[in-house]
Amino acid sequence: MRDPHEITRSVQVIVSYDEVADSRKTILGLIDAGMTHIVLSLRGPCPQGVAQWLADEIIAPVRATPGGGALMPG
């Protein structure tokens, strides 16, 4: 029998440029649901600096939320 803690639960999330708070809420809900590998995707065309925007507007706030930092190593 396989240990459930050894299973990677993966999901892809399309991040919205216009609905940033909703995207963060979706990601936090997925973490709460047990997802351990979340792939963030953006619809193109992607503007210049999009990786920094994603880090500043999505990843950092999610990691700063209680429970959100458990997904990604510091």
C-alpha atoms as a PDB file:
ATOM      1  CA  MET A   1       0.000   0.000   0.000  1.00  0.00           C
ATOM      2  CA  ARG A   2       1.278   3.439  -0.926  1.00  0.00           C
ATOM      3  CA  ASP A   3       1.768   6.126   1.720  1.00  0.00           C
ATOM      4  CA  PRO A   4      -0.527   9.059   0.787  1.00  0.00           C
ATOM      5  CA  HIS A   5       2.127  11.508   2.012  1.00  0.00           C
ATOM      6  CA  GLU A   6       4.469  10.272  -0.737  1.00  0.00           C
ATOM      7  CA  ILE A   7       2.036  11.250  -3.500  1.00  0.00           C
ATOM      8  CA  THR A   8       2.591  14.594  -5.218  1.00  0.00           C
ATOM      9  CA  ARG A   9      -0.719  16.300  -5.794  1.00  0.00           C
ATOM     10  CA  SER A  10      -0.252  18.571  -8.783  1.00  0.00           C
ATOM     11  CA  VAL A  11      -2.453  21.180 -10.425  1.00  0.00           C
ATOM     12  CA  GLN A  12      -2.082  23.951 -12.996  1.00  0.00           C
ATOM     13  CA  VAL A  13      -3.623  27.361 -12.276  1.00  0.00           C
ATOM     14  CA  ILE A  14      -4.216  30.025 -14.907  1.00  0.00           C
ATOM     15  CA  VAL A  15      -3.380  33.279 -13.114  1.00  0.00           C
ATOM     16  CA  SER A  16      -5.472  36.304 -14.038  1.00  0.00           C
ATOM     17  CA  TYR A  17      -3.776  39.656 -14.570  1.00  0.00           C
ATOM     18  CA  ASP A  18      -7.083  41.366 -13.751  1.00  0.00           C
ATOM     19  CA  GLU A  19      -8.287  39.236 -10.820  1.00  0.00           C
ATOM     20  CA  VAL A  20      -5.113  38.969  -8.738  1.00  0.00           C
ATOM     21  CA  ALA A  21      -6.892  38.554  -5.389  1.00  0.00           C
ATOM     22  CA  ASP A  22      -9.072  35.788  -6.832  1.00  0.00           C
ATOM     23  CA  SER A  23      -5.987  34.006  -8.189  1.00  0.00           C
ATOM     24  CA  ARG A  24      -4.319  34.140  -4.760  1.00  0.00           C
ATOM     25  CA  LYS A  25      -7.514  32.865  -3.125  1.00  0.00           C
ATOM     26  CA  THR A  26      -7.687  29.970  -5.594  1.00  0.00           C
ATOM     27  CA  ILE A  27      -4.072  29.006  -4.909  1.00  0.00           C
ATOM     28  CA  LEU A  28      -4.556  29.126  -1.140  1.00  0.00           C
ATOM     29  CA  GLY A  29      -7.670  26.972  -1.486  1.00  0.00           C
ATOM     30  CA  LEU A  30      -5.689  24.410  -3.461  1.00  0.00           C
ATOM     31  CA  ILE A  31      -2.985  24.354  -0.787  1.00  0.00           C
ATOM     32  CA  ASP A  32      -5.680  23.832   1.857  1.00  0.00           C
ATOM     33  CA  ALA A  33      -7.074  20.988  -0.269  1.00  0.00           C
ATOM     34  CA  GLY A  34      -3.700  19.228  -0.168  1.00  0.00           C
ATOM     35  CA  MET A  35      -2.069  20.230  -3.450  1.00  0.00           C
ATOM     36  CA  THR A  36       1.701  20.042  -3.111  1.00  0.00           C
ATOM     37  CA  HIS A  37       2.816  21.096  -6.608  1.00  0.00           C
ATOM     38  CA  ILE A  38       1.117  24.116  -8.145  1.00  0.00           C
ATOM     39  CA  VAL A  39       2.092  25.238 -11.639  1.00  0.00           C
ATOM     40  CA  LEU A  40       1.253  28.878 -12.316  1.00  0.00           C
ATOM     41  CA  SER A  41       0.414  29.759 -15.918  1.00  0.00           C
ATOM     42  CA  LEU A  42      -0.359  33.048 -17.597  1.00  0.00           C
ATOM     43  CA  ARG A  43      -2.261  33.702 -20.774  1.00  0.00           C
ATOM     44  CA  GLY A  44      -0.184  35.293 -23.515  1.00  0.00           C
ATOM     45  CA  PRO A  45       1.008  37.497 -24.758  1.00  0.00           C
ATOM     46  CA  CYS A  46       2.956  38.042 -21.571  1.00  0.00           C
ATOM     47  CA  PRO A  47       4.091  41.590 -20.874  1.00  0.00           C
ATOM     48  CA  GLN A  48       7.710  42.416 -20.148  1.00  0.00           C
ATOM     49  CA  GLY A  49       8.576  41.810 -16.491  1.00  0.00           C
ATOM     50  CA  VAL A  50       5.847  39.219 -16.004  1.00  0.00           C
ATOM     51  CA  ALA A  51       8.044  36.869 -13.951  1.00  0.00           C
ATOM     52  CA  GLN A  52       8.751  39.626 -11.422  1.00  0.00           C
ATOM     53  CA  TRP A  53       5.051  40.592 -11.411  1.00  0.00           C
ATOM     54  CA  LEU A  54       4.121  36.963 -10.698  1.00  0.00           C
ATOM     55  CA  ALA A  55       6.661  36.790  -7.861  1.00  0.00           C
ATOM     56  CA  ASP A  56       5.528  40.106  -6.339  1.00  0.00           C
ATOM     57  CA  GLU A  57       1.760  39.869  -6.808  1.00  0.00           C
ATOM     58  CA  ILE A  58       1.072  36.142  -6.460  1.00  0.00           C
ATOM     59  CA  ILE A  59       3.909  34.097  -4.979  1.00  0.00           C
ATOM     60  CA  ALA A  60       5.096  36.461  -2.212  1.00  0.00           C
ATOM     61  CA  PRO A  61       1.590  37.218  -0.867  1.00  0.00           C
ATOM     62  CA  VAL A  62       0.636  33.518  -0.944  1.00  0.00           C
ATOM     63  CA  ARG A  63       3.809  32.563   0.914  1.00  0.00           C
ATOM     64  CA  ALA A  64       3.159  35.313   3.484  1.00  0.00           C
ATOM     65  CA  THR A  65      -0.328  33.947   4.219  1.00  0.00           C
ATOM     66  CA  PRO A  66      -0.560  31.406   7.082  1.00  0.00           C
ATOM     67  CA  GLY A  67      -0.347  27.974   5.486  1.00  0.00           C
ATOM     68  CA  GLY A  68       0.771  29.351   2.120  1.00  0.00           C
ATOM     69  CA  GLY A  69       4.464  29.099   2.862  1.00  0.00           C
ATOM     70  CA  ALA A  70       4.250  25.383   3.573  1.00  0.00           C
ATOM     71  CA  LEU A  71       4.153  24.626  -0.139  1.00  0.00           C
ATOM     72  CA  MET A  72       7.448  26.210  -1.155  1.00  0.00           C
ATOM     73  CA  PRO A  73      10.795  26.002   0.603  1.00  0.00           C
ATOM     74  CA  GLY A  74      12.197  29.315   1.812  1.00  0.00           C
END
